[in-house]
Amino acid sequence: MLRYIPAGSACSTFTSYCRNLLALLLLFVFSAAGATDSPDYVKVYHPTIQRAELAILNEQYGEALNAYQQAFEAVPSAFARDYYNAAVCAMLLEEEKQAFSYLEKLVQKGASLPYLEQQQAFSPLQEGRRWKRFKRKYPKRRKAFEQAANLDLRADLDELYARDQYFRQAEGGYKMHRDTLRAIETANTLNLLNWIAEYGYPGEELIGVADTLEQLPRFSIVIQRQTRAMDGYDFTEILMQAVHDGKLAPQAAAYLMEQQAGKNRYSTKAFVKITCNGCKEGEQLKGEATYFVENMNPQELQRIDARREQLGLEPLEEYRRKVLYSLKEDNRFKLNFPWSVANYFVPNEEAAAIMKEKLITAE
């Protein structure tokens, strides 16, 4: 097993030796992974999921459920978010047996019973005998999940987040502890790369999902810290390979790559919302309840859509439709993400006007 690297022993920046060693190690791991007969999720899974989600927008739940079934049959392990949406479709079609089958899949992924009980989408199911049986069998299924998932690795990965936050939350924060934080970030990155080399990218099948169906595990903060502006380690190849291998959702990968690059390459932030945080009482900020989008020319949109397609994502306009559908029409489905809307708070109308110069109102 590769050893844990404490912050005190990590170099403050990556040397060329570290970079080359890790690059060779990861190249070996991913070359070995590519030699297997595992399906390419970008080709056989995500396009079918996109078809299912478009059917949901049109309230064609039978067509959506059929598409979900096709996607699940094409791969060894589907994503928890898709099992969730498939369960909602089955419930709306009064296919209770199938709905509970997908709920069981969620438990096998790590979703907790309290979380599922809190989901209003499944309230109709909780009134029948099947739900009582589902609750009764939950402890056994939870135990099976805990035995199958690598929870020790998950705990180690969670520790990376705790280390990242400790001095940021301490008195003085980043300004006082800058050097210590940089050393921690370097050590965290080396540890994450070591674990990826040993276990593969830590996706749902390896470490499960948090009780609340997280879209980004907490260890993702390690990747986000490694920005291009700070000459950080570039995780692009690792993230893209993880998407193809079905270990990482393309939406999460796109968001992380944008965070690293500091550029809007995939438009993961579908909308912008501007709120006046310091306006006087009674003062109304025009458009404060309105969603805006970046004003881009057709060539920019085409380039973004090309990148999105290569990663297994739907075109940007379809993505925006899904986000608005979840925000305004039907929140029973999980079709948006925590990062889908960029929220900005401004002190007055003048500040809002400056922000709106490069934005247009979403239709």
Protein backbone atom coordinates (compact mmCIF):
# COMPACT_ATOMS: atom_id res chain seq x y z
CA MET A 1 0.00 0.00 0.00
CA LEU A 2 1.30 3.46 -0.84
CA ARG A 3 2.17 5.48 2.21
CA TYR A 4 0.34 8.56 3.46
CA ILE A 5 2.33 11.75 2.86
CA PRO A 6 2.11 14.32 5.69
CA ALA A 7 2.14 18.01 4.87
CA GLY A 8 5.44 18.56 6.63
CA SER A 9 7.31 16.24 4.28
CA ALA A 10 5.79 17.55 1.04
CA CYS A 11 7.67 19.95 -1.15
CA SER A 12 6.06 23.36 -1.47
CA THR A 13 5.80 22.96 -5.24
CA PHE A 14 5.84 19.96 -7.56
CA THR A 15 9.32 19.25 -8.86
CA SER A 16 9.79 17.85 -12.34
CA TYR A 17 10.80 14.58 -10.69
CA CYS A 18 7.47 14.33 -8.85
CA ARG A 19 5.56 15.21 -11.99
CA ASN A 20 7.34 12.66 -14.16
CA LEU A 21 7.11 9.90 -11.59
CA LEU A 22 3.40 10.39 -11.04
CA ALA A 23 2.74 10.77 -14.76
CA LEU A 24 4.44 7.44 -15.48
CA LEU A 25 2.59 5.76 -12.63
CA LEU A 26 -0.79 7.03 -13.76
CA LEU A 27 -0.06 6.23 -17.40
CA PHE A 28 0.59 2.64 -16.38
CA VAL A 29 -2.62 2.44 -14.36
CA PHE A 30 -4.84 3.89 -17.06
CA SER A 31 -3.18 1.87 -19.82
CA ALA A 32 -3.93 -1.27 -17.85
CA ALA A 33 -7.51 -0.13 -17.35
CA GLY A 34 -7.89 0.52 -21.06
CA ALA A 35 -6.77 -3.01 -21.87
CA THR A 36 -9.93 -4.46 -20.33
CA ASP A 37 -13.25 -4.90 -22.08
CA SER A 38 -15.00 -2.29 -19.93
CA PRO A 39 -17.52 -0.18 -21.88
CA ASP A 40 -16.90 3.44 -22.78
CA TYR A 41 -19.58 5.31 -20.84
CA VAL A 42 -19.28 8.33 -23.14
CA LYS A 43 -20.48 6.16 -26.03
CA VAL A 44 -22.85 3.59 -24.53
CA TYR A 45 -24.27 5.18 -21.39
CA HIS A 46 -24.52 8.96 -21.27
CA PRO A 47 -26.21 9.48 -24.68
CA THR A 48 -29.01 7.14 -23.56
CA ILE A 49 -29.31 8.94 -20.23
CA GLN A 50 -29.64 12.21 -22.14
CA ARG A 51 -32.51 10.69 -24.11
CA ALA A 52 -34.20 9.66 -20.85
CA GLU A 53 -33.86 13.15 -19.39
CA LEU A 54 -35.28 14.80 -22.51
CA ALA A 55 -38.28 12.48 -22.25
CA ILE A 56 -38.76 13.64 -18.65
CA LEU A 57 -38.88 17.26 -19.84
CA ASN A 58 -41.71 16.24 -22.16
CA GLU A 59 -43.41 14.27 -19.34
CA GLN A 60 -43.01 11.06 -21.33
CA TYR A 61 -42.13 8.94 -18.32
CA GLY A 62 -42.61 5.59 -20.03
CA GLU A 63 -40.13 6.50 -22.75
CA ALA A 64 -37.75 7.85 -20.10
CA LEU A 65 -37.95 4.65 -18.07
CA ASN A 66 -37.24 2.53 -21.14
CA ALA A 67 -34.17 4.64 -21.90
CA TYR A 68 -32.93 4.31 -18.33
CA GLN A 69 -33.30 0.54 -18.52
CA GLN A 70 -31.30 0.45 -21.75
CA ALA A 71 -28.54 2.55 -20.21
CA PHE A 72 -28.37 0.40 -17.06
CA GLU A 73 -28.13 -2.79 -19.11
CA ALA A 74 -25.23 -1.40 -21.15
CA VAL A 75 -22.83 -0.94 -18.21
CA PRO A 76 -21.74 -2.88 -15.13
CA SER A 77 -22.62 -0.02 -12.76
CA ALA A 78 -24.89 2.98 -13.28
CA PHE A 79 -24.81 6.29 -11.43
CA ALA A 80 -26.90 6.86 -8.30
CA ARG A 81 -28.44 10.04 -9.72
CA ASP A 82 -29.82 8.07 -12.66
CA TYR A 83 -31.23 5.32 -10.42
CA TYR A 84 -32.97 8.08 -8.48
CA ASN A 85 -34.60 9.62 -11.56
CA ALA A 86 -35.56 6.19 -12.89
CA ALA A 87 -37.24 5.41 -9.55
CA VAL A 88 -39.28 8.62 -9.81
CA CYS A 89 -40.35 7.70 -13.36
CA ALA A 90 -41.41 4.22 -12.25
CA MET A 91 -43.37 5.66 -9.34
CA LEU A 92 -45.22 8.10 -11.61
CA LEU A 93 -46.10 5.19 -13.90
CA GLU A 94 -47.33 3.24 -10.83
CA GLU A 95 -44.67 0.61 -11.46
CA GLU A 96 -43.99 0.16 -7.76
CA LYS A 97 -41.96 -3.02 -8.04
CA GLN A 98 -39.54 -1.35 -10.42
CA ALA A 99 -39.42 1.83 -8.35
CA PHE A 100 -38.39 -0.13 -5.25
CA SER A 101 -35.85 -2.06 -7.28
CA TYR A 102 -34.11 1.22 -8.10
CA LEU A 103 -34.41 2.42 -4.50
CA GLU A 104 -32.60 -0.75 -3.47
CA LYS A 105 -29.88 0.11 -5.97
CA LEU A 106 -29.54 3.50 -4.27
CA VAL A 107 -29.11 1.85 -0.88
CA GLN A 108 -26.44 -0.40 -2.39
CA LYS A 109 -24.68 2.79 -3.51
CA GLY A 110 -24.75 4.23 0.01
CA ALA A 111 -27.92 6.35 0.10
CA SER A 112 -29.37 6.34 3.62
CA LEU A 113 -32.94 5.53 4.58
CA PRO A 114 -33.45 8.89 6.37
CA TYR A 115 -32.40 10.69 3.19
CA LEU A 116 -34.82 8.70 1.03
CA GLU A 117 -37.63 9.24 3.54
CA GLN A 118 -37.09 13.01 3.29
CA GLN A 119 -37.51 13.05 -0.49
CA GLN A 120 -40.97 14.36 -1.32
CA ALA A 121 -40.75 12.63 -4.68
CA PHE A 122 -41.14 9.29 -2.91
CA SER A 123 -43.87 10.32 -0.47
CA PRO A 124 -46.59 8.36 -2.34
CA LEU A 125 -44.54 5.18 -1.96
CA GLN A 126 -44.23 5.55 1.81
CA GLU A 127 -47.92 4.93 2.38
CA GLY A 128 -47.93 1.30 1.24
CA ARG A 129 -46.77 -2.08 2.53
CA ARG A 130 -43.84 -2.22 0.13
CA TRP A 131 -42.21 0.71 1.92
CA LYS A 132 -42.53 -1.03 5.29
CA ARG A 133 -40.84 -4.08 3.78
CA PHE A 134 -38.19 -1.80 2.25
CA LYS A 135 -37.51 -0.26 5.69
CA ARG A 136 -37.36 -3.66 7.33
CA LYS A 137 -34.72 -4.90 4.89
CA TYR A 138 -32.70 -1.68 4.94
CA PRO A 139 -30.26 -2.64 7.76
CA LYS A 140 -29.24 -5.79 5.90
CA ARG A 141 -28.72 -3.89 2.63
CA ARG A 142 -26.84 -1.14 4.43
CA LYS A 143 -24.51 -3.70 5.95
CA ALA A 144 -23.91 -5.20 2.51
CA PHE A 145 -22.97 -1.76 1.19
CA GLU A 146 -20.56 -1.16 4.06
CA GLN A 147 -18.87 -4.50 3.40
CA ALA A 148 -18.59 -3.91 -0.35
CA ALA A 149 -17.43 -0.28 -0.37
CA ASN A 150 -13.91 0.76 0.57
CA LEU A 151 -14.95 2.89 3.54
CA ASP A 152 -11.40 3.06 4.87
CA LEU A 153 -10.35 4.78 1.67
CA ARG A 154 -13.38 7.05 1.87
CA ALA A 155 -12.38 8.04 5.40
CA ASP A 156 -8.84 8.80 4.21
CA LEU A 157 -10.26 10.91 1.37
CA ASP A 158 -12.55 12.77 3.77
CA GLU A 159 -9.50 13.51 5.90
CA LEU A 160 -8.01 15.41 2.95
CA TYR A 161 -10.98 17.76 3.09
CA ALA A 162 -10.62 18.18 6.86
CA ARG A 163 -6.93 19.03 6.46
CA ASP A 164 -7.75 21.51 3.69
CA GLN A 165 -10.25 23.32 5.88
CA TYR A 166 -8.51 23.32 9.26
CA PHE A 167 -6.24 26.35 8.87
CA ARG A 168 -8.69 28.12 6.57
CA GLN A 169 -11.19 28.12 9.42
CA ALA A 170 -8.56 28.99 12.06
CA GLU A 171 -7.98 32.53 13.28
CA GLY A 172 -6.14 34.50 10.63
CA GLY A 173 -7.27 32.15 7.86
CA TYR A 174 -5.41 32.09 4.56
CA LYS A 175 -3.61 35.37 5.16
CA MET A 176 -1.85 34.12 8.29
CA HIS A 177 -1.38 30.46 7.32
CA ARG A 178 -0.64 30.78 3.60
CA ASP A 179 2.60 28.75 3.58
CA THR A 180 1.10 26.01 5.74
CA LEU A 181 -1.93 25.79 3.49
CA ARG A 182 0.21 25.49 0.36
CA ALA A 183 2.16 22.64 1.98
CA ILE A 184 -1.11 20.92 2.92
CA GLU A 185 -2.47 21.33 -0.61
CA THR A 186 0.68 19.76 -2.06
CA ALA A 187 0.58 16.85 0.40
CA ASN A 188 -3.14 16.34 -0.23
CA THR A 189 -2.55 16.24 -3.98
CA LEU A 190 0.27 13.71 -3.69
CA ASN A 191 -1.85 11.50 -1.45
CA LEU A 192 -4.81 11.67 -3.81
CA LEU A 193 -2.63 10.81 -6.80
CA ASN A 194 -1.12 7.89 -4.91
CA TRP A 195 -4.54 6.50 -4.04
CA ILE A 196 -5.74 6.94 -7.62
CA ALA A 197 -2.68 5.02 -8.79
CA GLU A 198 -3.39 2.23 -6.30
CA TYR A 199 -7.19 1.95 -6.48
CA GLY A 200 -8.24 3.84 -9.60
CA TYR A 201 -10.34 6.99 -9.48
CA PRO A 202 -12.51 6.82 -6.33
CA GLY A 203 -15.96 6.72 -7.87
CA GLU A 204 -19.31 5.52 -6.57
CA GLU A 205 -18.54 1.85 -7.12
CA LEU A 206 -15.36 2.08 -5.02
CA ILE A 207 -16.34 4.34 -2.12
CA GLY A 208 -20.10 4.70 -2.54
CA VAL A 209 -22.01 7.96 -2.28
CA ALA A 210 -22.62 10.01 0.84
CA ASP A 211 -25.94 9.56 2.60
CA THR A 212 -27.30 12.54 0.66
CA LEU A 213 -26.35 11.55 -2.90
CA GLU A 214 -23.54 14.08 -3.17
CA GLN A 215 -22.68 15.30 -6.67
CA LEU A 216 -19.06 16.00 -5.70
CA PRO A 217 -17.31 14.02 -2.95
CA ARG A 218 -15.56 16.23 -0.41
CA PHE A 219 -12.10 15.16 -1.58
CA SER A 220 -12.81 17.03 -4.83
CA ILE A 221 -11.63 20.18 -3.06
CA VAL A 222 -8.09 18.84 -3.53
CA ILE A 223 -8.54 19.00 -7.31
CA GLN A 224 -10.19 22.41 -7.17
CA ARG A 225 -7.22 23.87 -5.30
CA GLN A 226 -4.81 22.86 -8.07
CA THR A 227 -5.57 25.75 -10.39
CA ARG A 228 -3.61 26.70 -13.46
CA ALA A 229 -3.14 30.20 -12.05
CA MET A 230 -1.28 28.69 -9.08
CA ASP A 231 0.72 26.32 -11.31
CA GLY A 232 -1.14 23.38 -9.80
CA TYR A 233 -1.22 19.77 -10.91
CA ASP A 234 -3.41 19.32 -14.00
CA PHE A 235 -5.99 16.57 -13.39
CA THR A 236 -7.56 16.86 -16.85
CA GLU A 237 -6.39 13.50 -18.23
CA ILE A 238 -7.29 11.70 -15.01
CA LEU A 239 -10.77 13.22 -14.93
CA MET A 240 -11.49 12.52 -18.59
CA GLN A 241 -10.37 8.91 -18.26
CA ALA A 242 -12.55 8.51 -15.17
CA VAL A 243 -15.54 9.70 -17.19
CA HIS A 244 -14.89 7.18 -19.96
CA ASP A 245 -14.49 4.42 -17.35
CA GLY A 246 -17.77 5.29 -15.61
CA LYS A 247 -16.07 6.33 -12.37
CA LEU A 248 -17.00 10.00 -12.60
CA ALA A 249 -20.04 11.77 -14.03
CA PRO A 250 -19.19 14.07 -16.96
CA GLN A 251 -20.98 16.99 -15.31
CA ALA A 252 -18.73 16.77 -12.26
CA ALA A 253 -15.62 16.34 -14.39
CA ALA A 254 -16.48 19.39 -16.49
CA TYR A 255 -17.01 21.50 -13.37
CA LEU A 256 -13.69 20.41 -11.85
CA MET A 257 -11.80 21.07 -15.07
CA GLU A 258 -13.31 24.55 -15.29
CA GLN A 259 -12.33 25.21 -11.70
CA GLN A 260 -8.77 24.18 -12.43
CA ALA A 261 -8.45 26.09 -15.69
CA GLY A 262 -10.30 29.19 -14.54
CA LYS A 263 -12.09 29.20 -17.89
CA ASN A 264 -15.66 28.63 -19.04
CA ARG A 265 -14.93 25.66 -21.30
CA TYR A 266 -18.14 23.67 -20.74
CA SER A 267 -20.55 26.29 -19.33
CA THR A 268 -21.28 24.20 -16.27
CA LYS A 269 -22.72 27.35 -14.70
CA ALA A 270 -25.79 27.39 -16.91
CA PHE A 271 -27.31 30.55 -15.45
CA VAL A 272 -26.43 33.64 -13.47
CA LYS A 273 -28.69 35.09 -10.81
CA ILE A 274 -28.11 38.58 -9.43
CA THR A 275 -29.51 39.60 -6.06
CA CYS A 276 -29.26 42.98 -4.37
CA ASN A 277 -27.85 42.23 -0.93
CA GLY A 278 -27.59 45.76 0.40
CA CYS A 279 -30.43 47.69 -1.19
CA LYS A 280 -32.44 50.01 0.99
CA GLU A 281 -35.80 48.84 2.22
CA GLY A 282 -38.35 49.12 -0.56
CA GLU A 283 -35.71 49.45 -3.28
CA GLN A 284 -36.32 46.91 -6.03
CA LEU A 285 -33.46 45.53 -8.10
CA LYS A 286 -34.70 44.99 -11.63
CA GLY A 287 -34.28 41.40 -12.72
CA GLU A 288 -33.41 40.09 -9.26
CA ALA A 289 -35.73 37.11 -9.78
CA THR A 290 -34.50 36.60 -13.34
CA TYR A 291 -31.98 34.10 -14.63
CA PHE A 292 -29.33 35.38 -17.02
CA VAL A 293 -26.97 33.63 -19.42
CA GLU A 294 -23.65 34.64 -20.88
CA ASN A 295 -23.97 36.45 -24.19
CA MET A 296 -21.87 34.31 -26.54
CA ASN A 297 -21.62 34.27 -30.32
CA PRO A 298 -22.49 31.17 -32.42
CA GLN A 299 -18.83 30.21 -32.79
CA GLU A 300 -18.29 30.18 -29.02
CA LEU A 301 -21.43 28.11 -28.52
CA GLN A 302 -20.29 25.65 -31.17
CA ARG A 303 -16.89 25.22 -29.51
CA ILE A 304 -18.48 24.66 -26.11
CA ASP A 305 -20.93 22.11 -27.51
CA ALA A 306 -18.07 20.25 -29.21
CA ARG A 307 -16.20 19.99 -25.91
CA ARG A 308 -19.35 18.91 -24.12
CA GLU A 309 -20.02 16.17 -26.66
CA GLN A 310 -16.49 14.78 -26.31
CA LEU A 311 -17.07 14.46 -22.58
CA GLY A 312 -20.47 12.80 -22.89
CA LEU A 313 -22.53 15.90 -22.14
CA GLU A 314 -25.66 17.17 -23.85
CA PRO A 315 -25.62 20.42 -25.88
CA LEU A 316 -25.65 23.55 -23.75
CA GLU A 317 -29.21 24.53 -24.66
CA GLU A 318 -30.50 21.12 -23.54
CA TYR A 319 -28.57 21.46 -20.29
CA ARG A 320 -30.15 24.84 -19.65
CA ARG A 321 -33.61 23.42 -20.32
CA LYS A 322 -33.04 20.70 -17.74
CA VAL A 323 -31.81 23.14 -15.12
CA LEU A 324 -34.78 25.47 -15.60
CA TYR A 325 -37.15 22.50 -15.50
CA SER A 326 -35.82 21.49 -12.09
CA LEU A 327 -35.81 25.06 -10.78
CA LYS A 328 -39.20 26.20 -12.02
CA GLU A 329 -41.40 23.26 -13.00
CA ASP A 330 -40.67 19.92 -11.33
CA ASN A 331 -38.07 19.45 -8.61
CA ARG A 332 -38.88 15.77 -8.10
CA PHE A 333 -36.14 14.90 -10.58
CA LYS A 334 -32.43 15.56 -10.19
CA LEU A 335 -31.63 17.36 -13.43
CA ASN A 336 -29.51 20.24 -12.15
CA PHE A 337 -26.40 20.51 -10.01
CA PRO A 338 -25.18 22.66 -7.11
CA TRP A 339 -23.03 24.64 -9.54
CA SER A 340 -25.69 25.08 -12.26
CA VAL A 341 -26.56 28.61 -11.13
CA ALA A 342 -23.93 31.21 -10.26
CA ASN A 343 -25.38 33.47 -7.57
CA TYR A 344 -24.00 36.98 -7.28
CA PHE A 345 -24.92 39.49 -4.59
CA VAL A 346 -24.51 43.18 -5.33
CA PRO A 347 -24.90 46.27 -3.13
CA ASN A 348 -26.91 48.42 -5.54
CA GLU A 349 -28.44 48.86 -8.98
CA GLU A 350 -25.27 50.36 -10.45
CA ALA A 351 -23.22 47.30 -9.54
CA ALA A 352 -25.87 45.05 -11.06
CA ALA A 353 -25.82 47.05 -14.29
CA ILE A 354 -22.08 46.48 -14.64
CA MET A 355 -22.54 42.73 -14.18
CA LYS A 356 -25.35 42.60 -16.73
CA GLU A 357 -23.25 44.13 -19.51
CA LYS A 358 -22.10 40.70 -20.73
CA LEU A 359 -25.32 38.87 -19.86
CA ILE A 360 -28.71 38.43 -21.49
CA THR A 361 -31.99 37.39 -19.94
CA ALA A 362 -32.66 33.66 -20.23
CA GLU A 363 -35.72 32.88 -22.31
